[in-house]
N, C-alpha and C. Protein backbone atom coordinates (compact mmCIF):
# COMPACT_ATOMS: atom_id res chain seq x y z
N MET A 1 0.85 -1.18 0.00
CA MET A 1 0.00 0.00 0.00
C MET A 1 0.89 1.24 0.00
N LYS A 2 0.59 2.20 -0.86
CA LYS A 2 1.37 3.44 -0.91
C LYS A 2 1.20 4.21 0.38
N ASN A 3 2.28 4.92 0.77
CA ASN A 3 2.23 5.63 2.04
C ASN A 3 1.68 7.06 1.92
N ASN A 4 0.97 7.35 0.85
CA ASN A 4 0.34 8.66 0.73
C ASN A 4 -1.17 8.55 0.57
N THR A 5 -1.73 7.41 0.97
CA THR A 5 -3.17 7.20 0.82
C THR A 5 -3.88 7.29 2.17
N LYS A 6 -5.15 7.58 2.11
CA LYS A 6 -6.00 7.61 3.30
C LYS A 6 -5.94 6.27 4.01
N GLU A 7 -6.01 5.18 3.24
CA GLU A 7 -6.01 3.84 3.83
C GLU A 7 -4.71 3.56 4.59
N TYR A 8 -3.59 3.97 4.01
CA TYR A 8 -2.30 3.76 4.67
C TYR A 8 -2.28 4.48 6.03
N TRP A 9 -2.65 5.77 6.02
CA TRP A 9 -2.57 6.55 7.26
C TRP A 9 -3.63 6.13 8.27
N ASP A 10 -4.81 5.73 7.82
CA ASP A 10 -5.79 5.18 8.76
C ASP A 10 -5.20 3.96 9.47
N ALA A 11 -4.53 3.08 8.72
CA ALA A 11 -3.92 1.87 9.31
C ALA A 11 -2.82 2.25 10.30
N VAL A 12 -2.02 3.23 9.97
CA VAL A 12 -0.95 3.69 10.87
C VAL A 12 -1.55 4.15 12.20
N TYR A 13 -2.61 4.97 12.14
CA TYR A 13 -3.20 5.48 13.37
C TYR A 13 -4.02 4.43 14.11
N GLU A 14 -4.60 3.48 13.38
CA GLU A 14 -5.31 2.37 14.04
C GLU A 14 -4.34 1.56 14.91
N LYS A 15 -3.12 1.37 14.42
CA LYS A 15 -2.10 0.61 15.15
C LYS A 15 -1.45 1.43 16.26
N GLY A 16 -1.77 2.72 16.33
CA GLY A 16 -1.16 3.58 17.33
C GLY A 16 0.25 4.00 16.97
N GLU A 17 0.60 3.92 15.69
CA GLU A 17 1.96 4.25 15.26
C GLU A 17 2.13 5.71 14.86
N GLY A 18 1.05 6.45 14.73
CA GLY A 18 1.16 7.86 14.35
C GLY A 18 1.63 8.66 15.56
N LYS A 19 2.89 8.96 15.60
CA LYS A 19 3.47 9.63 16.76
C LYS A 19 3.75 11.09 16.46
N TYR A 20 3.55 11.91 17.47
CA TYR A 20 3.90 13.33 17.39
C TYR A 20 5.42 13.44 17.34
N ASN A 21 5.91 14.16 16.40
CA ASN A 21 7.34 14.34 16.23
C ASN A 21 7.80 15.47 17.15
N ALA A 22 8.61 15.13 18.15
CA ALA A 22 9.08 16.13 19.11
C ALA A 22 9.83 17.26 18.41
N LEU A 23 10.45 16.96 17.29
CA LEU A 23 11.16 17.97 16.53
C LEU A 23 10.22 19.08 16.08
N LEU A 24 8.94 18.76 15.92
CA LEU A 24 7.98 19.75 15.44
C LEU A 24 7.90 20.95 16.38
N GLN A 25 7.83 20.71 17.67
CA GLN A 25 7.73 21.83 18.61
C GLN A 25 8.98 22.70 18.56
N GLU A 26 10.14 22.07 18.49
CA GLU A 26 11.39 22.83 18.37
C GLU A 26 11.37 23.66 17.08
N SER A 27 10.86 23.06 16.02
CA SER A 27 10.77 23.73 14.73
C SER A 27 9.86 24.94 14.81
N VAL A 28 8.70 24.76 15.43
CA VAL A 28 7.73 25.84 15.52
C VAL A 28 8.31 27.01 16.32
N SER A 29 9.00 26.71 17.41
CA SER A 29 9.62 27.77 18.20
C SER A 29 10.62 28.57 17.37
N LEU A 30 11.43 27.86 16.61
CA LEU A 30 12.41 28.52 15.75
C LEU A 30 11.71 29.41 14.72
N LEU A 31 10.70 28.87 14.07
CA LEU A 31 10.00 29.62 13.03
C LEU A 31 9.24 30.82 13.61
N LYS A 32 8.69 30.67 14.81
CA LYS A 32 8.03 31.80 15.47
C LYS A 32 9.04 32.91 15.76
N ASP A 33 10.22 32.50 16.24
CA ASP A 33 11.26 33.48 16.54
C ASP A 33 11.63 34.30 15.31
N PHE A 34 11.59 33.67 14.13
CA PHE A 34 11.90 34.37 12.89
C PHE A 34 10.70 35.14 12.35
N GLY A 35 9.53 35.02 13.00
CA GLY A 35 8.34 35.75 12.57
C GLY A 35 7.61 35.11 11.40
N PHE A 36 7.86 33.82 11.16
CA PHE A 36 7.23 33.16 10.02
C PHE A 36 5.84 32.60 10.33
N ILE A 37 5.52 32.39 11.59
CA ILE A 37 4.22 31.83 11.94
C ILE A 37 3.36 32.97 12.48
N LYS A 38 2.30 33.29 11.71
CA LYS A 38 1.45 34.42 12.11
C LYS A 38 0.08 34.28 11.46
N GLY A 39 -0.86 35.07 11.97
CA GLY A 39 -2.20 35.12 11.38
C GLY A 39 -2.96 33.82 11.51
N THR A 40 -3.83 33.56 10.55
CA THR A 40 -4.58 32.31 10.52
C THR A 40 -3.65 31.20 10.02
N ILE A 41 -3.61 30.12 10.78
CA ILE A 41 -2.65 29.05 10.51
C ILE A 41 -3.40 27.77 10.20
N LEU A 42 -2.97 27.08 9.16
CA LEU A 42 -3.54 25.79 8.80
C LEU A 42 -2.42 24.76 8.78
N ASP A 43 -2.60 23.69 9.55
CA ASP A 43 -1.64 22.59 9.58
C ASP A 43 -2.22 21.49 8.69
N LEU A 44 -1.63 21.30 7.52
CA LEU A 44 -2.11 20.29 6.57
C LEU A 44 -1.29 19.02 6.75
N GLY A 45 -1.99 17.93 7.05
CA GLY A 45 -1.31 16.69 7.42
C GLY A 45 -1.08 16.70 8.92
N CYS A 46 -2.10 17.16 9.66
CA CYS A 46 -1.96 17.44 11.09
C CYS A 46 -1.95 16.21 11.98
N GLY A 47 -2.21 15.02 11.41
CA GLY A 47 -2.28 13.85 12.27
C GLY A 47 -3.39 14.00 13.28
N LYS A 48 -3.07 13.78 14.57
CA LYS A 48 -4.07 13.91 15.62
C LYS A 48 -4.27 15.35 16.08
N GLY A 49 -3.46 16.27 15.57
CA GLY A 49 -3.66 17.69 15.88
C GLY A 49 -2.77 18.24 16.98
N GLU A 50 -1.65 17.59 17.25
CA GLU A 50 -0.77 18.06 18.31
C GLU A 50 -0.30 19.49 18.11
N LEU A 51 0.07 19.83 16.88
CA LEU A 51 0.51 21.20 16.61
C LEU A 51 -0.65 22.18 16.72
N VAL A 52 -1.81 21.80 16.24
CA VAL A 52 -3.00 22.66 16.36
C VAL A 52 -3.27 22.93 17.84
N GLN A 53 -3.20 21.90 18.65
CA GLN A 53 -3.40 22.04 20.10
C GLN A 53 -2.37 23.01 20.68
N ASN A 54 -1.12 22.79 20.36
CA ASN A 54 -0.04 23.61 20.91
C ASN A 54 -0.19 25.07 20.53
N LEU A 55 -0.44 25.33 19.26
CA LEU A 55 -0.57 26.72 18.81
C LEU A 55 -1.85 27.37 19.34
N SER A 56 -2.93 26.60 19.42
CA SER A 56 -4.21 27.15 19.89
C SER A 56 -4.15 27.57 21.35
N VAL A 57 -3.53 26.75 22.20
CA VAL A 57 -3.45 27.12 23.62
C VAL A 57 -2.55 28.33 23.83
N ASN A 58 -1.72 28.63 22.84
CA ASN A 58 -0.87 29.82 22.91
C ASN A 58 -1.48 31.01 22.18
N GLY A 59 -2.78 30.91 21.85
CA GLY A 59 -3.50 32.05 21.31
C GLY A 59 -3.58 32.16 19.80
N SER A 60 -3.02 31.22 19.07
CA SER A 60 -3.06 31.29 17.60
C SER A 60 -4.39 30.78 17.07
N ASN A 61 -4.83 31.37 15.97
CA ASN A 61 -6.03 30.92 15.26
C ASN A 61 -5.59 29.81 14.30
N THR A 62 -5.67 28.57 14.76
CA THR A 62 -5.11 27.44 14.02
C THR A 62 -6.15 26.36 13.81
N ILE A 63 -6.15 25.77 12.59
CA ILE A 63 -6.97 24.60 12.30
C ILE A 63 -6.09 23.54 11.66
N GLY A 64 -6.57 22.30 11.69
CA GLY A 64 -5.80 21.21 11.11
C GLY A 64 -6.63 20.32 10.22
N TYR A 65 -6.01 19.84 9.15
CA TYR A 65 -6.64 18.89 8.22
C TYR A 65 -5.72 17.70 8.05
N ASP A 66 -6.31 16.52 7.96
CA ASP A 66 -5.56 15.30 7.68
C ASP A 66 -6.44 14.37 6.86
N ILE A 67 -5.81 13.57 5.99
CA ILE A 67 -6.59 12.64 5.18
C ILE A 67 -7.07 11.43 5.98
N SER A 68 -6.50 11.24 7.16
CA SER A 68 -6.87 10.08 7.98
C SER A 68 -8.02 10.41 8.92
N TYR A 69 -9.16 9.79 8.67
CA TYR A 69 -10.32 9.91 9.56
C TYR A 69 -9.95 9.41 10.96
N VAL A 70 -9.21 8.32 11.01
CA VAL A 70 -8.83 7.72 12.29
C VAL A 70 -7.99 8.72 13.10
N ALA A 71 -7.02 9.36 12.47
CA ALA A 71 -6.17 10.33 13.17
C ALA A 71 -7.01 11.48 13.72
N ILE A 72 -7.90 12.01 12.91
CA ILE A 72 -8.72 13.15 13.35
C ILE A 72 -9.63 12.74 14.50
N GLU A 73 -10.26 11.59 14.40
CA GLU A 73 -11.14 11.14 15.49
C GLU A 73 -10.36 10.91 16.78
N LYS A 74 -9.17 10.35 16.69
CA LYS A 74 -8.33 10.17 17.89
C LYS A 74 -7.93 11.52 18.46
N GLY A 75 -7.60 12.46 17.56
CA GLY A 75 -7.24 13.80 18.01
C GLY A 75 -8.38 14.50 18.73
N LYS A 76 -9.59 14.35 18.23
CA LYS A 76 -10.75 14.98 18.87
C LYS A 76 -10.98 14.42 20.27
N LEU A 77 -10.70 13.13 20.46
CA LEU A 77 -10.83 12.53 21.79
C LEU A 77 -9.70 12.98 22.71
N GLU A 78 -8.49 13.05 22.16
CA GLU A 78 -7.31 13.42 22.96
C GLU A 78 -7.28 14.91 23.30
N PHE A 79 -7.77 15.73 22.38
CA PHE A 79 -7.74 17.19 22.55
C PHE A 79 -9.14 17.77 22.38
N PRO A 80 -10.04 17.54 23.34
CA PRO A 80 -11.43 17.97 23.17
C PRO A 80 -11.61 19.49 23.02
N LEU A 81 -10.69 20.28 23.53
CA LEU A 81 -10.83 21.73 23.42
C LEU A 81 -10.63 22.24 22.00
N ILE A 82 -10.01 21.42 21.14
CA ILE A 82 -9.83 21.84 19.74
C ILE A 82 -10.56 20.92 18.77
N ALA A 83 -11.46 20.11 19.28
CA ALA A 83 -12.18 19.16 18.42
C ALA A 83 -12.85 19.85 17.24
N ASP A 84 -13.30 21.08 17.44
CA ASP A 84 -13.96 21.81 16.36
C ASP A 84 -12.97 22.45 15.38
N LYS A 85 -11.68 22.24 15.60
CA LYS A 85 -10.65 22.79 14.72
C LYS A 85 -9.93 21.71 13.92
N LEU A 86 -10.39 20.47 14.04
CA LEU A 86 -9.77 19.34 13.33
C LEU A 86 -10.73 18.80 12.29
N PHE A 87 -10.23 18.63 11.06
CA PHE A 87 -11.08 18.23 9.94
C PHE A 87 -10.41 17.14 9.10
N VAL A 88 -11.24 16.28 8.54
CA VAL A 88 -10.76 15.28 7.58
C VAL A 88 -10.79 15.94 6.21
N GLY A 89 -9.67 15.88 5.51
CA GLY A 89 -9.62 16.45 4.17
C GLY A 89 -8.20 16.54 3.66
N ASP A 90 -8.11 16.88 2.39
CA ASP A 90 -6.81 17.04 1.75
C ASP A 90 -6.69 18.47 1.22
N VAL A 91 -5.70 18.72 0.40
CA VAL A 91 -5.46 20.07 -0.09
C VAL A 91 -6.65 20.65 -0.85
N THR A 92 -7.45 19.79 -1.46
CA THR A 92 -8.59 20.28 -2.24
C THR A 92 -9.74 20.75 -1.34
N SER A 93 -9.75 20.33 -0.08
CA SER A 93 -10.87 20.68 0.79
C SER A 93 -10.56 21.75 1.82
N ILE A 94 -9.32 22.23 1.87
CA ILE A 94 -8.99 23.24 2.88
C ILE A 94 -9.51 24.61 2.45
N PRO A 95 -9.79 25.47 3.43
CA PRO A 95 -10.29 26.80 3.10
C PRO A 95 -9.21 27.67 2.45
N GLU A 96 -9.65 28.76 1.86
CA GLU A 96 -8.72 29.72 1.26
C GLU A 96 -8.35 30.80 2.28
N ASN A 97 -7.44 31.67 1.86
CA ASN A 97 -7.03 32.83 2.64
C ASN A 97 -6.36 32.49 3.97
N ASN A 98 -5.47 31.53 3.94
CA ASN A 98 -4.67 31.19 5.12
C ASN A 98 -3.41 32.05 5.12
N ASP A 99 -3.09 32.63 6.27
CA ASP A 99 -1.87 33.43 6.36
C ASP A 99 -0.63 32.54 6.41
N THR A 100 -0.76 31.39 7.06
CA THR A 100 0.34 30.44 7.16
C THR A 100 -0.20 29.03 6.94
N ILE A 101 0.45 28.27 6.07
CA ILE A 101 0.15 26.85 5.93
C ILE A 101 1.42 26.09 6.29
N ILE A 102 1.27 25.12 7.17
CA ILE A 102 2.41 24.32 7.61
C ILE A 102 2.26 22.90 7.08
N LEU A 103 3.33 22.41 6.46
CA LEU A 103 3.42 21.02 6.01
C LEU A 103 4.60 20.39 6.75
N HIS A 104 4.32 19.69 7.83
CA HIS A 104 5.39 19.05 8.59
C HIS A 104 5.41 17.57 8.24
N MET A 105 6.50 17.13 7.64
CA MET A 105 6.66 15.73 7.25
C MET A 105 5.54 15.29 6.30
N VAL A 106 5.18 16.15 5.36
CA VAL A 106 4.11 15.87 4.40
C VAL A 106 4.62 15.90 2.97
N TYR A 107 5.37 16.93 2.63
CA TYR A 107 5.75 17.20 1.24
C TYR A 107 6.44 16.01 0.56
N ALA A 108 7.27 15.30 1.28
CA ALA A 108 7.98 14.16 0.68
C ALA A 108 7.02 13.06 0.22
N PHE A 109 5.85 12.97 0.83
CA PHE A 109 4.90 11.91 0.50
C PHE A 109 4.02 12.24 -0.71
N ILE A 110 4.07 13.46 -1.17
CA ILE A 110 3.21 13.89 -2.27
C ILE A 110 3.78 13.42 -3.60
N GLU A 111 2.93 12.79 -4.42
CA GLU A 111 3.40 12.29 -5.71
C GLU A 111 3.57 13.41 -6.73
N ASN A 112 2.54 14.18 -6.99
CA ASN A 112 2.63 15.25 -7.97
C ASN A 112 2.84 16.57 -7.23
N LYS A 113 4.10 16.85 -6.94
CA LYS A 113 4.44 18.00 -6.11
C LYS A 113 4.08 19.33 -6.77
N LYS A 114 4.26 19.44 -8.07
CA LYS A 114 3.96 20.71 -8.76
C LYS A 114 2.48 21.07 -8.62
N ASP A 115 1.59 20.13 -8.93
CA ASP A 115 0.15 20.39 -8.79
C ASP A 115 -0.21 20.69 -7.33
N PHE A 116 0.39 19.95 -6.42
CA PHE A 116 0.12 20.14 -5.00
C PHE A 116 0.50 21.56 -4.56
N ILE A 117 1.69 22.01 -4.93
CA ILE A 117 2.13 23.35 -4.53
C ILE A 117 1.28 24.43 -5.21
N GLU A 118 0.84 24.20 -6.43
CA GLU A 118 -0.08 25.14 -7.09
C GLU A 118 -1.38 25.25 -6.29
N GLN A 119 -1.89 24.11 -5.82
CA GLN A 119 -3.12 24.13 -5.02
C GLN A 119 -2.90 24.85 -3.69
N ILE A 120 -1.75 24.60 -3.07
CA ILE A 120 -1.43 25.30 -1.82
C ILE A 120 -1.39 26.81 -2.05
N LYS A 121 -0.75 27.20 -3.14
CA LYS A 121 -0.64 28.63 -3.46
C LYS A 121 -2.02 29.27 -3.54
N SER A 122 -2.98 28.57 -4.11
CA SER A 122 -4.33 29.12 -4.24
C SER A 122 -5.05 29.22 -2.90
N LYS A 123 -4.56 28.54 -1.88
CA LYS A 123 -5.19 28.55 -0.56
C LYS A 123 -4.54 29.55 0.39
N LEU A 124 -3.44 30.19 -0.05
CA LEU A 124 -2.77 31.19 0.77
C LEU A 124 -3.36 32.58 0.53
N SER A 125 -3.41 33.37 1.57
CA SER A 125 -3.83 34.77 1.41
C SER A 125 -2.69 35.52 0.71
N PRO A 126 -2.98 36.71 0.15
CA PRO A 126 -1.89 37.50 -0.44
C PRO A 126 -0.81 37.74 0.63
N GLY A 127 0.43 37.45 0.29
CA GLY A 127 1.52 37.57 1.24
C GLY A 127 1.61 36.40 2.21
N GLY A 128 0.75 35.40 2.01
CA GLY A 128 0.75 34.23 2.89
C GLY A 128 2.04 33.43 2.83
N ILE A 129 2.29 32.67 3.87
CA ILE A 129 3.54 31.93 4.00
C ILE A 129 3.27 30.44 4.04
N LEU A 130 4.05 29.70 3.27
CA LEU A 130 4.04 28.24 3.30
C LEU A 130 5.31 27.79 4.00
N ILE A 131 5.16 26.95 5.01
CA ILE A 131 6.30 26.39 5.72
C ILE A 131 6.31 24.89 5.51
N ILE A 132 7.41 24.41 4.96
CA ILE A 132 7.58 22.97 4.76
C ILE A 132 8.75 22.54 5.63
N SER A 133 8.50 21.65 6.57
CA SER A 133 9.62 21.10 7.34
C SER A 133 9.77 19.64 6.93
N THR A 134 10.99 19.30 6.55
CA THR A 134 11.23 17.99 5.95
C THR A 134 12.69 17.58 6.08
N PRO A 135 12.94 16.28 6.18
CA PRO A 135 14.33 15.82 6.10
C PRO A 135 14.87 16.03 4.69
N VAL A 136 16.17 16.18 4.59
CA VAL A 136 16.84 16.40 3.32
C VAL A 136 17.56 15.11 2.92
N ARG A 137 17.42 14.73 1.66
CA ARG A 137 18.08 13.53 1.16
C ARG A 137 19.50 13.86 0.74
N THR A 138 20.46 13.47 1.57
CA THR A 138 21.87 13.68 1.26
C THR A 138 22.64 12.40 1.58
N PRO A 139 23.84 12.25 1.05
CA PRO A 139 24.65 11.06 1.38
C PRO A 139 24.93 10.95 2.88
N ALA A 140 25.00 12.08 3.57
CA ALA A 140 25.26 12.06 5.01
C ALA A 140 24.07 11.53 5.81
N ASN A 141 22.90 11.60 5.23
CA ASN A 141 21.69 11.12 5.90
C ASN A 141 21.37 9.72 5.43
N SER A 142 22.04 8.75 5.98
CA SER A 142 21.87 7.37 5.50
C SER A 142 20.43 6.89 5.64
N MET A 143 19.73 7.31 6.68
CA MET A 143 18.33 6.87 6.85
C MET A 143 17.49 7.32 5.66
N TYR A 144 17.76 8.53 5.18
CA TYR A 144 16.93 9.07 4.12
C TYR A 144 17.37 8.56 2.75
N ILE A 145 18.51 7.93 2.68
CA ILE A 145 18.91 7.26 1.45
C ILE A 145 18.18 5.92 1.37
N THR A 146 18.10 5.22 2.51
CA THR A 146 17.41 3.93 2.53
C THR A 146 15.89 4.09 2.59
N ARG A 147 15.41 5.22 3.05
CA ARG A 147 13.97 5.50 3.09
C ARG A 147 13.69 6.83 2.40
N PRO A 148 13.88 6.87 1.08
CA PRO A 148 13.75 8.14 0.37
C PRO A 148 12.35 8.74 0.42
N GLU A 149 11.35 7.94 0.73
CA GLU A 149 9.99 8.47 0.75
C GLU A 149 9.76 9.47 1.87
N VAL A 150 10.66 9.58 2.83
CA VAL A 150 10.47 10.54 3.92
C VAL A 150 11.39 11.75 3.79
N SER A 151 11.97 11.94 2.63
CA SER A 151 12.85 13.09 2.44
C SER A 151 12.65 13.70 1.05
N VAL A 152 13.20 14.88 0.85
CA VAL A 152 13.04 15.57 -0.42
C VAL A 152 14.38 15.73 -1.14
N THR A 153 14.28 15.97 -2.43
CA THR A 153 15.46 16.18 -3.27
C THR A 153 15.57 17.66 -3.62
N GLU A 154 16.67 18.02 -4.24
CA GLU A 154 16.85 19.40 -4.72
C GLU A 154 15.74 19.78 -5.70
N GLU A 155 15.34 18.83 -6.55
CA GLU A 155 14.27 19.10 -7.53
C GLU A 155 12.95 19.41 -6.83
N ASP A 156 12.67 18.70 -5.73
CA ASP A 156 11.45 18.95 -4.97
C ASP A 156 11.44 20.37 -4.40
N VAL A 157 12.58 20.81 -3.92
CA VAL A 157 12.72 22.16 -3.38
C VAL A 157 12.55 23.19 -4.49
N GLN A 158 13.11 22.91 -5.65
CA GLN A 158 13.02 23.84 -6.78
C GLN A 158 11.57 24.08 -7.21
N ILE A 159 10.73 23.05 -7.11
CA ILE A 159 9.31 23.19 -7.46
C ILE A 159 8.66 24.28 -6.60
N VAL A 160 8.96 24.27 -5.31
CA VAL A 160 8.40 25.29 -4.41
C VAL A 160 8.90 26.67 -4.81
N LYS A 161 10.19 26.76 -5.05
CA LYS A 161 10.79 28.05 -5.42
C LYS A 161 10.19 28.58 -6.72
N ASP A 162 10.06 27.72 -7.72
CA ASP A 162 9.51 28.15 -9.01
C ASP A 162 8.05 28.58 -8.90
N THR A 163 7.30 27.94 -8.02
CA THR A 163 5.86 28.21 -7.90
C THR A 163 5.57 29.43 -7.04
N LEU A 164 6.30 29.59 -5.95
CA LEU A 164 5.98 30.66 -5.01
C LEU A 164 6.95 31.84 -5.04
N GLY A 165 8.11 31.67 -5.57
CA GLY A 165 9.03 32.82 -5.71
C GLY A 165 9.81 33.15 -4.47
N THR A 166 9.32 34.09 -3.65
CA THR A 166 10.04 34.52 -2.46
C THR A 166 10.30 33.32 -1.57
N PHE A 167 11.54 33.17 -1.13
CA PHE A 167 11.96 31.87 -0.66
C PHE A 167 13.09 31.99 0.36
N THR A 168 13.00 31.25 1.44
CA THR A 168 14.07 31.18 2.44
C THR A 168 14.24 29.73 2.83
N ILE A 169 15.47 29.31 3.04
CA ILE A 169 15.71 27.96 3.54
C ILE A 169 16.51 28.07 4.82
N LEU A 170 16.01 27.44 5.87
CA LEU A 170 16.74 27.32 7.12
C LEU A 170 17.10 25.84 7.25
N LYS A 171 18.34 25.57 7.53
CA LYS A 171 18.75 24.17 7.68
C LYS A 171 19.26 23.97 9.09
N GLY A 172 19.05 22.77 9.58
CA GLY A 172 19.54 22.45 10.91
C GLY A 172 20.00 21.02 10.99
N LYS A 173 20.85 20.74 11.94
CA LYS A 173 21.29 19.37 12.20
C LYS A 173 20.59 18.92 13.48
N TYR A 174 19.93 17.82 13.38
CA TYR A 174 19.23 17.26 14.52
C TYR A 174 19.67 15.81 14.68
N SER A 175 19.22 15.18 15.74
CA SER A 175 19.63 13.80 15.99
C SER A 175 19.20 12.87 14.85
N VAL A 176 18.16 13.25 14.12
CA VAL A 176 17.69 12.41 13.02
C VAL A 176 18.42 12.70 11.72
N GLY A 177 19.29 13.70 11.71
CA GLY A 177 20.02 14.03 10.48
C GLY A 177 19.72 15.45 10.03
N ASP A 178 20.06 15.74 8.78
CA ASP A 178 19.83 17.07 8.22
C ASP A 178 18.34 17.32 8.06
N PHE A 179 17.92 18.50 8.45
CA PHE A 179 16.52 18.87 8.37
C PHE A 179 16.43 20.23 7.72
N MET A 180 15.41 20.45 6.93
CA MET A 180 15.27 21.69 6.19
C MET A 180 13.90 22.30 6.46
N PHE A 181 13.89 23.61 6.59
CA PHE A 181 12.65 24.36 6.63
C PHE A 181 12.61 25.22 5.39
N ILE A 182 11.65 24.96 4.56
CA ILE A 182 11.46 25.76 3.35
C ILE A 182 10.36 26.75 3.68
N VAL A 183 10.66 28.02 3.63
CA VAL A 183 9.68 29.05 3.94
C VAL A 183 9.48 29.85 2.65
N ALA A 184 8.29 29.75 2.09
CA ALA A 184 7.99 30.41 0.82
C ALA A 184 6.82 31.37 1.01
N LYS A 185 6.90 32.50 0.36
CA LYS A 185 5.85 33.53 0.50
C LYS A 185 5.16 33.73 -0.83
N LYS A 186 3.84 33.81 -0.78
CA LYS A 186 3.03 34.02 -1.98
C LYS A 186 3.21 35.43 -2.49
């Protein structure tokens, strides 16, 4: 089963394998410090909604979408205060005029990245920001060489740059290897 389908992710969350990535909170803090996370925020591929919960309790207007019904239902039970902010859906069903869209560990799983980024662009408000946090596929990152589906290539990054234009890359070294934050502005 492909790892970008609703069925795949429902199975992952049914087994209890969908885990919140601790790196995400560190990432969000870094991006907030740089002023990249602001306004209305949409977390696409939110899983159970851990990031939505974290940002919401800190006063942000945040919603989350995930293709996994199982993940969203588990999130609503785990985080009842944000149950009304979690939705089942993909890029075609998210609302428009988002100031910030976050894709954490999502972009690498997308098959047609160009069409996907075009759709994301249409969902951003004027001046809106897209944040993609993802592992980078390099020879130094042996895990991402053996599991390329969880990392991106230079070509994948170029698609974002060509589609959205204004562009910043922040790179960091973490225990899991090289990690990249692609911050693109509409």
